[in-house]
Amino acid sequence: MATENSDYIILVQDINKTYGTGFQALKNINLEIKRGEIFALLGPNGAGKTTLISIICGIVKATSGIIIADGFNTVRDYRAARAIIGLVPQELHTDSFESVWATVKFSRGLFGKAPNSAYLEKVLRDLSLWDRRDMKIKELSGGMKRRLLIAKALAHEPKILFLDEPSAGVDVELRHDMWRMVRDLRAQGATIILTTHYIEEAEDMADRIGVISNGELIIVEDKEVLMRKLGKKQLTLTLRQPLGSIPAGLSAWPLALTEDGQSLVYSFDTQKEETGIAELLRTLSDHSIEFKDLRSSESSLEDIFVSLVHQPKENAS
């Protein structure tokens, strides 16, 4: 029986996955997903994102560990747990000779939900599939098949929706439709977990970010906190006269010279009270280095992601 936790809808406890070949896909994963949030799981190809999602959804069996979904143990209470989860997979696996309408009706009934034609019509209309409801799946374009996967995942009104690389290979229109639906679902109380290669989408959509690399969860943090904690600011100084190299007297400063020698780029930590900019400008003046323009910029989530997956785990926190 479910024992509802008011804060977290998914609890992942000490999950490991080792395949028969000896490859360890997941290493001691612990994760808590908050109710009603949009959580983005980022990681390079082969990092373990899809494996983790597949274990939570009951498609793949963990070697060890426990997962609780809305109070249900996903192994012991598999049917109850799976009934509250919707999954939009990466791959297009559909029954080619079924109609769109028959497919979404079947998906709803598969999870024991009473018929609700009005709800299914709304889902299909939201995904621009209503006019194609009588078409066989084999007659749909790739983009429409992707829309159908989303409709199937939503057919039984899940509390939790997993989107595994949902934007991979889809057109801009579908991407916009999909994210509008995600926002609407979250507004209705659903919890959304997505993996994506489009990091700008995670930056725009997610409340929290998790980064996984080589089967290990490197960091989980509120998006704004993550960007504040790990982000860097840069000051770019456009020089009046190009430099061939950075003078030895400036070697102690975190400076980079652009290839054309026209600009110096100074990186500084957003967490520190003192930026060091004033002292740097005085030092440049002491070395008779003049600049004609300066501009500042901040790290994007993509910059942070790249830095995290290319550094040792113990340095990531």
C-alpha atoms as a PDB file:
ATOM      1  CA  MET A   1       0.000   0.000   0.000  1.00  0.00           C
ATOM      2  CA  ALA A   2       1.220   3.504  -0.805  1.00  0.00           C
ATOM      3  CA  THR A   3       2.298   5.762   2.021  1.00  0.00           C
ATOM      4  CA  GLU A   4       2.359   9.212   0.475  1.00  0.00           C
ATOM      5  CA  ASN A   5       5.314  11.489   1.161  1.00  0.00           C
ATOM      6  CA  SER A   6       4.289  15.117   0.819  1.00  0.00           C
ATOM      7  CA  ASP A   7       7.671  16.274  -0.482  1.00  0.00           C
ATOM      8  CA  TYR A   8       8.976  13.546  -2.773  1.00  0.00           C
ATOM      9  CA  ILE A   9       7.156  11.444  -5.351  1.00  0.00           C
ATOM     10  CA  ILE A  10      10.162   9.296  -6.362  1.00  0.00           C
ATOM     11  CA  LEU A  11      12.840   7.920  -4.056  1.00  0.00           C
ATOM     12  CA  VAL A  12      15.816   6.149  -5.653  1.00  0.00           C
ATOM     13  CA  GLN A  13      17.873   4.349  -3.012  1.00  0.00           C
ATOM     14  CA  ASP A  14      21.289   2.736  -3.617  1.00  0.00           C
ATOM     15  CA  ILE A  15      20.549   1.643  -7.193  1.00  0.00           C
ATOM     16  CA  ASN A  16      23.233  -0.360  -8.988  1.00  0.00           C
ATOM     17  CA  LYS A  17      23.032  -2.003 -12.393  1.00  0.00           C
ATOM     18  CA  THR A  18      25.631  -4.443 -13.699  1.00  0.00           C
ATOM     19  CA  TYR A  19      25.007  -6.300 -16.952  1.00  0.00           C
ATOM     20  CA  GLY A  20      25.992  -9.895 -17.677  1.00  0.00           C
ATOM     21  CA  THR A  21      29.073  -8.685 -19.525  1.00  0.00           C
ATOM     22  CA  GLY A  22      30.344  -7.164 -16.273  1.00  0.00           C
ATOM     23  CA  PHE A  23      29.691  -3.597 -17.398  1.00  0.00           C
ATOM     24  CA  GLN A  24      28.407  -1.483 -14.486  1.00  0.00           C
ATOM     25  CA  ALA A  25      25.924   0.976 -15.958  1.00  0.00           C
ATOM     26  CA  LEU A  26      24.829   2.549 -12.659  1.00  0.00           C
ATOM     27  CA  LYS A  27      26.849   2.942  -9.474  1.00  0.00           C
ATOM     28  CA  ASN A  28      25.064   3.523  -6.160  1.00  0.00           C
ATOM     29  CA  ILE A  29      22.502   6.065  -7.405  1.00  0.00           C
ATOM     30  CA  ASN A  30      20.519   7.962  -4.766  1.00  0.00           C
ATOM     31  CA  LEU A  31      17.991  10.521  -5.928  1.00  0.00           C
ATOM     32  CA  GLU A  32      14.831  12.215  -4.653  1.00  0.00           C
ATOM     33  CA  ILE A  33      12.350  13.762  -7.091  1.00  0.00           C
ATOM     34  CA  LYS A  34      10.032  16.415  -5.673  1.00  0.00           C
ATOM     35  CA  ARG A  35       6.314  16.406  -6.344  1.00  0.00           C
ATOM     36  CA  GLY A  36       5.257  18.716  -9.130  1.00  0.00           C
ATOM     37  CA  GLU A  37       8.743  19.648 -10.284  1.00  0.00           C
ATOM     38  CA  ILE A  38      10.422  19.472 -13.680  1.00  0.00           C
ATOM     39  CA  PHE A  39      13.664  17.588 -13.156  1.00  0.00           C
ATOM     40  CA  ALA A  40      16.265  17.430 -15.934  1.00  0.00           C
ATOM     41  CA  LEU A  41      18.771  14.576 -15.990  1.00  0.00           C
ATOM     42  CA  LEU A  42      21.787  15.514 -18.085  1.00  0.00           C
ATOM     43  CA  GLY A  43      24.727  13.401 -19.148  1.00  0.00           C
ATOM     44  CA  PRO A  44      26.763  12.370 -22.196  1.00  0.00           C
ATOM     45  CA  ASN A  45      25.805   9.376 -24.325  1.00  0.00           C
ATOM     46  CA  GLY A  46      26.284   6.146 -22.400  1.00  0.00           C
ATOM     47  CA  ALA A  47      26.252   7.893 -19.017  1.00  0.00           C
ATOM     48  CA  GLY A  48      23.321   5.828 -17.690  1.00  0.00           C
ATOM     49  CA  LYS A  49      20.359   8.186 -18.172  1.00  0.00           C
ATOM     50  CA  THR A  50      18.142   5.777 -20.095  1.00  0.00           C
ATOM     51  CA  THR A  51      19.125   2.851 -17.866  1.00  0.00           C
ATOM     52  CA  LEU A  52      18.064   4.763 -14.755  1.00  0.00           C
ATOM     53  CA  ILE A  53      14.751   5.813 -16.295  1.00  0.00           C
ATOM     54  CA  SER A  54      14.104   2.256 -17.497  1.00  0.00           C
ATOM     55  CA  ILE A  55      14.688   0.891 -13.983  1.00  0.00           C
ATOM     56  CA  ILE A  56      12.337   3.439 -12.396  1.00  0.00           C
ATOM     57  CA  CYS A  57       9.682   2.558 -14.990  1.00  0.00           C
ATOM     58  CA  GLY A  58      10.129  -1.175 -14.378  1.00  0.00           C
ATOM     59  CA  ILE A  59      11.428  -1.968 -17.863  1.00  0.00           C
ATOM     60  CA  VAL A  60      14.919  -2.957 -16.645  1.00  0.00           C
ATOM     61  CA  LYS A  61      15.674  -4.727 -13.358  1.00  0.00           C
ATOM     62  CA  ALA A  62      18.249  -3.194 -11.013  1.00  0.00           C
ATOM     63  CA  THR A  63      21.056  -5.377  -9.690  1.00  0.00           C
ATOM     64  CA  SER A  64      20.462  -3.898  -6.240  1.00  0.00           C
ATOM     65  CA  GLY A  65      18.612  -1.035  -4.581  1.00  0.00           C
ATOM     66  CA  ILE A  66      15.029   0.129  -4.093  1.00  0.00           C
ATOM     67  CA  ILE A  67      12.789   2.603  -5.900  1.00  0.00           C
ATOM     68  CA  ILE A  68       9.601   4.049  -4.411  1.00  0.00           C
ATOM     69  CA  ALA A  69       7.143   5.840  -6.720  1.00  0.00           C
ATOM     70  CA  ASP A  70       4.380   7.731  -4.931  1.00  0.00           C
ATOM     71  CA  GLY A  71       4.700   5.309  -2.010  1.00  0.00           C
ATOM     72  CA  PHE A  72       4.759   2.151  -4.157  1.00  0.00           C
ATOM     73  CA  ASN A  73       7.797  -0.140  -4.364  1.00  0.00           C
ATOM     74  CA  THR A  74       8.343  -0.424  -8.129  1.00  0.00           C
ATOM     75  CA  VAL A  75       9.229  -4.129  -7.879  1.00  0.00           C
ATOM     76  CA  ARG A  76       6.873  -5.410  -5.184  1.00  0.00           C
ATOM     77  CA  ASP A  77       3.992  -3.119  -6.239  1.00  0.00           C
ATOM     78  CA  TYR A  78       4.851  -3.063  -9.927  1.00  0.00           C
ATOM     79  CA  ARG A  79       1.352  -2.667 -11.391  1.00  0.00           C
ATOM     80  CA  ALA A  80       0.329   0.103  -8.987  1.00  0.00           C
ATOM     81  CA  ALA A  81       3.612   1.970  -9.513  1.00  0.00           C
ATOM     82  CA  ARG A  82       3.539   1.617 -13.291  1.00  0.00           C
ATOM     83  CA  ALA A  83      -0.052   2.881 -13.435  1.00  0.00           C
ATOM     84  CA  ILE A  84       1.040   6.322 -12.216  1.00  0.00           C
ATOM     85  CA  ILE A  85       4.004   6.570 -14.600  1.00  0.00           C
ATOM     86  CA  GLY A  86       3.983   7.660 -18.234  1.00  0.00           C
ATOM     87  CA  LEU A  87       7.042   7.127 -20.426  1.00  0.00           C
ATOM     88  CA  VAL A  88       7.932   8.713 -23.748  1.00  0.00           C
ATOM     89  CA  PRO A  89      10.898   6.610 -24.938  1.00  0.00           C
ATOM     90  CA  GLN A  90      13.622   7.626 -27.361  1.00  0.00           C
ATOM     91  CA  GLU A  91      12.842   4.923 -29.891  1.00  0.00           C
ATOM     92  CA  LEU A  92       9.756   4.745 -32.095  1.00  0.00           C
ATOM     93  CA  HIS A  93       8.123   1.385 -31.307  1.00  0.00           C
ATOM     94  CA  THR A  94       4.532   1.327 -32.497  1.00  0.00           C
ATOM     95  CA  ASP A  95       2.040  -1.196 -33.913  1.00  0.00           C
ATOM     96  CA  SER A  96       2.016  -0.164 -37.543  1.00  0.00           C
ATOM     97  CA  PHE A  97      -1.447  -1.432 -38.465  1.00  0.00           C
ATOM     98  CA  GLU A  98      -3.358   0.050 -35.521  1.00  0.00           C
ATOM     99  CA  SER A  99      -5.123   3.388 -35.861  1.00  0.00           C
ATOM    100  CA  VAL A 100      -4.110   6.371 -33.770  1.00  0.00           C
ATOM    101  CA  TRP A 101      -7.400   6.308 -31.853  1.00  0.00           C
ATOM    102  CA  ALA A 102      -7.278   2.561 -31.172  1.00  0.00           C
ATOM    103  CA  THR A 103      -3.720   2.882 -29.893  1.00  0.00           C
ATOM    104  CA  VAL A 104      -4.425   5.597 -27.331  1.00  0.00           C
ATOM    105  CA  LYS A 105      -7.639   3.833 -26.199  1.00  0.00           C
ATOM    106  CA  PHE A 106      -5.680   0.628 -25.687  1.00  0.00           C
ATOM    107  CA  SER A 107      -2.936   2.437 -23.774  1.00  0.00           C
ATOM    108  CA  ARG A 108      -5.511   3.906 -21.403  1.00  0.00           C
ATOM    109  CA  GLY A 109      -7.228   0.562 -20.830  1.00  0.00           C
ATOM    110  CA  LEU A 110      -3.903  -1.187 -20.315  1.00  0.00           C
ATOM    111  CA  PHE A 111      -3.515   0.642 -17.013  1.00  0.00           C
ATOM    112  CA  GLY A 112      -7.065  -0.057 -15.839  1.00  0.00           C
ATOM    113  CA  LYS A 113      -8.440   3.408 -16.519  1.00  0.00           C
ATOM    114  CA  ALA A 114     -12.141   3.737 -17.352  1.00  0.00           C
ATOM    115  CA  PRO A 115     -12.906   4.963 -20.888  1.00  0.00           C
ATOM    116  CA  ASN A 116     -12.773   8.743 -21.263  1.00  0.00           C
ATOM    117  CA  SER A 117     -13.137   9.776 -24.883  1.00  0.00           C
ATOM    118  CA  ALA A 118     -13.241  13.483 -24.027  1.00  0.00           C
ATOM    119  CA  TYR A 119      -9.865  13.322 -22.310  1.00  0.00           C
ATOM    120  CA  LEU A 120      -8.265  11.349 -25.144  1.00  0.00           C
ATOM    121  CA  GLU A 121      -9.688  13.785 -27.692  1.00  0.00           C
ATOM    122  CA  LYS A 122      -8.097  16.681 -25.791  1.00  0.00           C
ATOM    123  CA  VAL A 123      -4.712  14.924 -25.745  1.00  0.00           C
ATOM    124  CA  LEU A 124      -4.876  14.267 -29.491  1.00  0.00           C
ATOM    125  CA  ARG A 125      -5.989  17.825 -30.224  1.00  0.00           C
ATOM    126  CA  ASP A 126      -3.180  19.261 -28.093  1.00  0.00           C
ATOM    127  CA  LEU A 127      -0.716  17.192 -30.126  1.00  0.00           C
ATOM    128  CA  SER A 128      -2.295  18.023 -33.527  1.00  0.00           C
ATOM    129  CA  LEU A 129      -3.297  14.363 -33.969  1.00  0.00           C
ATOM    130  CA  TRP A 130      -7.083  14.629 -33.820  1.00  0.00           C
ATOM    131  CA  ASP A 131      -7.492  14.960 -37.597  1.00  0.00           C
ATOM    132  CA  ARG A 132      -5.344  11.837 -37.989  1.00  0.00           C
ATOM    133  CA  ARG A 133      -7.158   9.719 -35.388  1.00  0.00           C
ATOM    134  CA  ASP A 134      -8.370   7.193 -37.967  1.00  0.00           C
ATOM    135  CA  MET A 135      -5.026   6.866 -39.759  1.00  0.00           C
ATOM    136  CA  LYS A 136      -2.917   3.754 -39.367  1.00  0.00           C
ATOM    137  CA  ILE A 137       0.351   4.364 -37.578  1.00  0.00           C
ATOM    138  CA  LYS A 138       2.363   3.188 -40.578  1.00  0.00           C
ATOM    139  CA  GLU A 139       0.868   6.112 -42.544  1.00  0.00           C
ATOM    140  CA  LEU A 140       2.171   8.738 -40.106  1.00  0.00           C
ATOM    141  CA  SER A 141       5.332  10.764 -40.614  1.00  0.00           C
ATOM    142  CA  GLY A 142       8.189  10.408 -38.147  1.00  0.00           C
ATOM    143  CA  GLY A 143       7.154  13.609 -36.367  1.00  0.00           C
ATOM    144  CA  MET A 144       3.558  12.438 -36.030  1.00  0.00           C
ATOM    145  CA  LYS A 145       4.716   9.077 -34.664  1.00  0.00           C
ATOM    146  CA  ARG A 146       6.689  10.988 -32.037  1.00  0.00           C
ATOM    147  CA  ARG A 147       3.521  12.918 -31.138  1.00  0.00           C
ATOM    148  CA  LEU A 148       1.687   9.599 -30.849  1.00  0.00           C
ATOM    149  CA  LEU A 149       4.273   8.301 -28.374  1.00  0.00           C
ATOM    150  CA  ILE A 150       3.545  11.318 -26.194  1.00  0.00           C
ATOM    151  CA  ALA A 151      -0.216  10.756 -26.524  1.00  0.00           C
ATOM    152  CA  LYS A 152       0.191   7.089 -25.506  1.00  0.00           C
ATOM    153  CA  ALA A 153       2.225   8.106 -22.463  1.00  0.00           C
ATOM    154  CA  LEU A 154      -0.472  10.594 -21.406  1.00  0.00           C
ATOM    155  CA  ALA A 155      -3.473   8.352 -22.158  1.00  0.00           C
ATOM    156  CA  HIS A 156      -3.804   7.003 -18.602  1.00  0.00           C
ATOM    157  CA  GLU A 157      -3.321  10.418 -16.912  1.00  0.00           C
ATOM    158  CA  PRO A 158      -0.035   9.626 -15.144  1.00  0.00           C
ATOM    159  CA  LYS A 159       1.160  11.545 -12.088  1.00  0.00           C
ATOM    160  CA  ILE A 160       4.747  11.113 -13.247  1.00  0.00           C
ATOM    161  CA  LEU A 161       5.890  11.619 -16.844  1.00  0.00           C
ATOM    162  CA  PHE A 162       9.314  10.571 -18.143  1.00  0.00           C
ATOM    163  CA  LEU A 163      10.553  12.133 -21.366  1.00  0.00           C
ATOM    164  CA  ASP A 164      13.675  10.350 -22.599  1.00  0.00           C
ATOM    165  CA  GLU A 165      15.402  12.589 -25.165  1.00  0.00           C
ATOM    166  CA  PRO A 166      12.003  13.824 -26.379  1.00  0.00           C
ATOM    167  CA  SER A 167      13.424  16.494 -28.684  1.00  0.00           C
ATOM    168  CA  ALA A 168      15.879  14.241 -30.514  1.00  0.00           C
ATOM    169  CA  GLY A 169      15.168  14.461 -34.231  1.00  0.00           C
ATOM    170  CA  VAL A 170      11.879  16.363 -33.952  1.00  0.00           C
ATOM    171  CA  ASP A 171      10.890  19.551 -35.706  1.00  0.00           C
ATOM    172  CA  VAL A 172      10.685  22.934 -34.034  1.00  0.00           C
ATOM    173  CA  GLU A 173       6.872  22.978 -34.076  1.00  0.00           C
ATOM    174  CA  LEU A 174       6.628  19.702 -32.176  1.00  0.00           C
ATOM    175  CA  ARG A 175       9.285  20.831 -29.728  1.00  0.00           C
ATOM    176  CA  HIS A 176       7.278  23.962 -28.923  1.00  0.00           C
ATOM    177  CA  ASP A 177       4.007  21.989 -28.653  1.00  0.00           C
ATOM    178  CA  MET A 178       5.677  19.494 -26.363  1.00  0.00           C
ATOM    179  CA  TRP A 179       7.108  22.047 -23.984  1.00  0.00           C
ATOM    180  CA  ARG A 180       3.808  23.885 -23.834  1.00  0.00           C
ATOM    181  CA  MET A 181       2.161  20.622 -22.815  1.00  0.00           C
ATOM    182  CA  VAL A 182       4.879  19.959 -20.230  1.00  0.00           C
ATOM    183  CA  ARG A 183       4.218  23.322 -18.613  1.00  0.00           C
ATOM    184  CA  ASP A 184       0.463  22.664 -18.641  1.00  0.00           C
ATOM    185  CA  LEU A 185       0.934  19.222 -17.078  1.00  0.00           C
ATOM    186  CA  ARG A 186       3.148  20.622 -14.349  1.00  0.00           C
ATOM    187  CA  ALA A 187       0.530  23.309 -13.660  1.00  0.00           C
ATOM    188  CA  GLN A 188      -1.975  20.469 -13.176  1.00  0.00           C
ATOM    189  CA  GLY A 189       0.301  18.823 -10.588  1.00  0.00           C
ATOM    190  CA  ALA A 190       2.235  16.297 -12.673  1.00  0.00           C
ATOM    191  CA  THR A 191       5.910  15.620 -12.052  1.00  0.00           C
ATOM    192  CA  ILE A 192       8.115  15.697 -15.159  1.00  0.00           C
ATOM    193  CA  ILE A 193      11.511  14.020 -15.497  1.00  0.00           C
ATOM    194  CA  LEU A 194      13.361  14.570 -18.743  1.00  0.00           C
ATOM    195  CA  THR A 195      16.670  13.713 -20.300  1.00  0.00           C
ATOM    196  CA  THR A 196      17.834  15.936 -23.110  1.00  0.00           C
ATOM    197  CA  HIS A 197      20.751  16.812 -25.345  1.00  0.00           C
ATOM    198  CA  TYR A 198      19.240  20.286 -25.759  1.00  0.00           C
ATOM    199  CA  ILE A 199      20.759  21.801 -22.648  1.00  0.00           C
ATOM    200  CA  GLU A 200      19.160  25.167 -23.356  1.00  0.00           C
ATOM    201  CA  GLU A 201      15.782  23.453 -22.874  1.00  0.00           C
ATOM    202  CA  ALA A 202      16.823  22.187 -19.454  1.00  0.00           C
ATOM    203  CA  GLU A 203      18.033  25.682 -18.633  1.00  0.00           C
ATOM    204  CA  ASP A 204      14.664  27.100 -19.677  1.00  0.00           C
ATOM    205  CA  MET A 205      12.336  24.398 -18.305  1.00  0.00           C
ATOM    206  CA  ALA A 206      13.830  22.632 -15.302  1.00  0.00           C
ATOM    207  CA  ASP A 207      13.460  23.432 -11.622  1.00  0.00           C
ATOM    208  CA  ARG A 208      16.341  21.141 -10.678  1.00  0.00           C
ATOM    209  CA  ILE A 209      19.232  19.586 -12.577  1.00  0.00           C
ATOM    210  CA  GLY A 210      20.991  16.257 -12.089  1.00  0.00           C
ATOM    211  CA  VAL A 211      24.195  15.398 -13.946  1.00  0.00           C
ATOM    212  CA  ILE A 212      25.172  11.772 -14.482  1.00  0.00           C
ATOM    213  CA  SER A 213      28.503  10.604 -15.902  1.00  0.00           C
ATOM    214  CA  ASN A 214      29.961   7.089 -16.176  1.00  0.00           C
ATOM    215  CA  GLY A 215      27.031   5.687 -14.213  1.00  0.00           C
ATOM    216  CA  GLU A 216      27.498   8.031 -11.257  1.00  0.00           C
ATOM    217  CA  LEU A 217      25.296  10.915 -10.203  1.00  0.00           C
ATOM    218  CA  ILE A 218      27.774  13.787  -9.975  1.00  0.00           C
ATOM    219  CA  ILE A 219      25.493  16.505  -8.677  1.00  0.00           C
ATOM    220  CA  VAL A 220      21.824  17.289  -8.039  1.00  0.00           C
ATOM    221  CA  GLU A 221      20.944  20.896  -7.394  1.00  0.00           C
ATOM    222  CA  ASP A 222      18.320  23.583  -7.899  1.00  0.00           C
ATOM    223  CA  LYS A 223      19.031  25.090 -11.297  1.00  0.00           C
ATOM    224  CA  GLU A 224      19.522  28.614 -10.031  1.00  0.00           C
ATOM    225  CA  VAL A 225      21.759  27.449  -7.168  1.00  0.00           C
ATOM    226  CA  LEU A 226      23.794  25.286  -9.545  1.00  0.00           C
ATOM    227  CA  MET A 227      24.392  28.145 -11.939  1.00  0.00           C
ATOM    228  CA  ARG A 228      25.259  30.490  -9.102  1.00  0.00           C
ATOM    229  CA  LYS A 229      27.520  27.975  -7.345  1.00  0.00           C
ATOM    230  CA  LEU A 230      29.374  26.578 -10.354  1.00  0.00           C
ATOM    231  CA  GLY A 231      28.982  29.393 -12.840  1.00  0.00           C
ATOM    232  CA  LYS A 232      31.812  31.666 -13.818  1.00  0.00           C
ATOM    233  CA  LYS A 233      31.736  35.197 -15.061  1.00  0.00           C
ATOM    234  CA  GLN A 234      34.094  36.425 -17.718  1.00  0.00           C
ATOM    235  CA  LEU A 235      35.335  39.875 -18.496  1.00  0.00           C
ATOM    236  CA  THR A 236      36.579  40.350 -22.059  1.00  0.00           C
ATOM    237  CA  LEU A 237      38.886  43.320 -22.629  1.00  0.00           C
ATOM    238  CA  THR A 238      39.393  44.404 -26.230  1.00  0.00           C
ATOM    239  CA  LEU A 239      42.950  45.762 -26.490  1.00  0.00           C
ATOM    240  CA  ARG A 240      44.120  48.915 -28.280  1.00  0.00           C
ATOM    241  CA  GLN A 241      47.231  47.075 -29.433  1.00  0.00           C
ATOM    242  CA  PRO A 242      47.310  43.284 -29.940  1.00  0.00           C
ATOM    243  CA  LEU A 243      49.586  41.131 -27.806  1.00  0.00           C
ATOM    244  CA  GLY A 244      51.752  38.266 -28.977  1.00  0.00           C
ATOM    245  CA  SER A 245      51.539  36.622 -25.555  1.00  0.00           C
ATOM    246  CA  ILE A 246      50.486  37.381 -21.988  1.00  0.00           C
ATOM    247  CA  PRO A 247      53.324  39.236 -20.205  1.00  0.00           C
ATOM    248  CA  ALA A 248      55.105  37.299 -17.451  1.00  0.00           C
ATOM    249  CA  GLY A 249      54.000  39.900 -14.917  1.00  0.00           C
ATOM    250  CA  LEU A 250      50.388  38.847 -15.490  1.00  0.00           C
ATOM    251  CA  SER A 251      50.972  35.075 -15.169  1.00  0.00           C
ATOM    252  CA  ALA A 252      49.331  34.955 -11.721  1.00  0.00           C
ATOM    253  CA  TRP A 253      46.010  36.130 -13.168  1.00  0.00           C
ATOM    254  CA  PRO A 254      43.458  33.707 -14.736  1.00  0.00           C
ATOM    255  CA  LEU A 255      43.774  35.356 -18.136  1.00  0.00           C
ATOM    256  CA  ALA A 256      43.449  33.941 -21.633  1.00  0.00           C
ATOM    257  CA  LEU A 257      44.553  35.654 -24.829  1.00  0.00           C
ATOM    258  CA  THR A 258      42.381  35.232 -27.897  1.00  0.00           C
ATOM    259  CA  GLU A 259      44.018  33.708 -30.977  1.00  0.00           C
ATOM    260  CA  ASP A 260      44.229  37.020 -32.780  1.00  0.00           C
ATOM    261  CA  GLY A 261      45.812  38.649 -29.717  1.00  0.00           C
ATOM    262  CA  GLN A 262      43.137  41.356 -29.756  1.00  0.00           C
ATOM    263  CA  SER A 263      41.434  40.496 -26.439  1.00  0.00           C
ATOM    264  CA  LEU A 264      42.190  39.321 -22.927  1.00  0.00           C
ATOM    265  CA  VAL A 265      39.573  37.168 -21.183  1.00  0.00           C
ATOM    266  CA  TYR A 266      39.492  37.240 -17.387  1.00  0.00           C
ATOM    267  CA  SER A 267      37.489  34.530 -15.538  1.00  0.00           C
ATOM    268  CA  PHE A 268      36.331  35.094 -11.975  1.00  0.00           C
ATOM    269  CA  ASP A 269      34.234  33.242  -9.413  1.00  0.00           C
ATOM    270  CA  THR A 270      30.687  34.492  -8.909  1.00  0.00           C
ATOM    271  CA  GLN A 271      30.734  33.268  -5.280  1.00  0.00           C
ATOM    272  CA  LYS A 272      33.577  35.492  -4.140  1.00  0.00           C
ATOM    273  CA  GLU A 273      32.857  38.915  -2.700  1.00  0.00           C
ATOM    274  CA  GLU A 274      35.797  40.483  -4.521  1.00  0.00           C
ATOM    275  CA  THR A 275      35.947  40.062  -8.294  1.00  0.00           C
ATOM    276  CA  GLY A 276      39.524  41.322  -8.557  1.00  0.00           C
ATOM    277  CA  ILE A 277      38.599  43.433 -11.576  1.00  0.00           C
ATOM    278  CA  ALA A 278      39.759  46.747 -10.125  1.00  0.00           C
ATOM    279  CA  GLU A 279      43.149  45.281  -9.203  1.00  0.00           C
ATOM    280  CA  LEU A 280      43.464  43.653 -12.622  1.00  0.00           C
ATOM    281  CA  LEU A 281      42.819  46.961 -14.390  1.00  0.00           C
ATOM    282  CA  ARG A 282      45.489  48.652 -12.258  1.00  0.00           C
ATOM    283  CA  THR A 283      47.937  45.853 -13.086  1.00  0.00           C
ATOM    284  CA  LEU A 284      47.227  46.191 -16.805  1.00  0.00           C
ATOM    285  CA  SER A 285      47.876  49.918 -16.529  1.00  0.00           C
ATOM    286  CA  ASP A 286      51.160  49.248 -14.739  1.00  0.00           C
ATOM    287  CA  HIS A 287      52.175  47.104 -17.726  1.00  0.00           C
ATOM    288  CA  SER A 288      51.079  49.819 -20.182  1.00  0.00           C
ATOM    289  CA  ILE A 289      48.362  47.592 -21.615  1.00  0.00           C
ATOM    290  CA  GLU A 290      45.445  49.723 -22.772  1.00  0.00           C
ATOM    291  CA  PHE A 291      41.991  48.510 -23.735  1.00  0.00           C
ATOM    292  CA  LYS A 292      39.242  50.187 -25.741  1.00  0.00           C
ATOM    293  CA  ASP A 293      36.247  48.112 -24.714  1.00  0.00           C
ATOM    294  CA  LEU A 294      35.176  45.583 -22.077  1.00  0.00           C
ATOM    295  CA  ARG A 295      32.140  43.364 -21.695  1.00  0.00           C
ATOM    296  CA  SER A 296      31.065  40.722 -19.193  1.00  0.00           C
ATOM    297  CA  SER A 297      29.290  37.398 -19.662  1.00  0.00           C
ATOM    298  CA  GLU A 298      28.141  34.502 -17.477  1.00  0.00           C
ATOM    299  CA  SER A 299      28.489  30.748 -17.858  1.00  0.00           C
ATOM    300  CA  SER A 300      25.558  28.966 -19.437  1.00  0.00           C
ATOM    301  CA  LEU A 301      24.240  25.676 -18.111  1.00  0.00           C
ATOM    302  CA  GLU A 302      26.061  24.036 -21.040  1.00  0.00           C
ATOM    303  CA  ASP A 303      29.389  25.457 -19.847  1.00  0.00           C
ATOM    304  CA  ILE A 304      28.740  24.089 -16.357  1.00  0.00           C
ATOM    305  CA  PHE A 305      27.674  20.689 -17.727  1.00  0.00           C
ATOM    306  CA  VAL A 306      30.822  20.356 -19.822  1.00  0.00           C
ATOM    307  CA  SER A 307      33.034  21.311 -16.886  1.00  0.00           C
ATOM    308  CA  LEU A 308      31.308  18.799 -14.601  1.00  0.00           C
ATOM    309  CA  VAL A 309      31.588  15.775 -16.883  1.00  0.00           C
ATOM    310  CA  HIS A 310      35.248  16.496 -17.584  1.00  0.00           C
ATOM    311  CA  GLN A 311      36.428  16.751 -14.006  1.00  0.00           C
ATOM    312  CA  PRO A 312      36.898  14.177 -11.218  1.00  0.00           C
ATOM    313  CA  LYS A 313      33.797  13.468  -9.148  1.00  0.00           C
ATOM    314  CA  GLU A 314      35.320  14.667  -5.874  1.00  0.00           C
ATOM    315  CA  ASN A 315      35.822  18.132  -7.387  1.00  0.00           C
ATOM    316  CA  ALA A 316      32.253  18.465  -8.622  1.00  0.00           C
ATOM    317  CA  SER A 317      30.560  19.290  -5.344  1.00  0.00           C
END
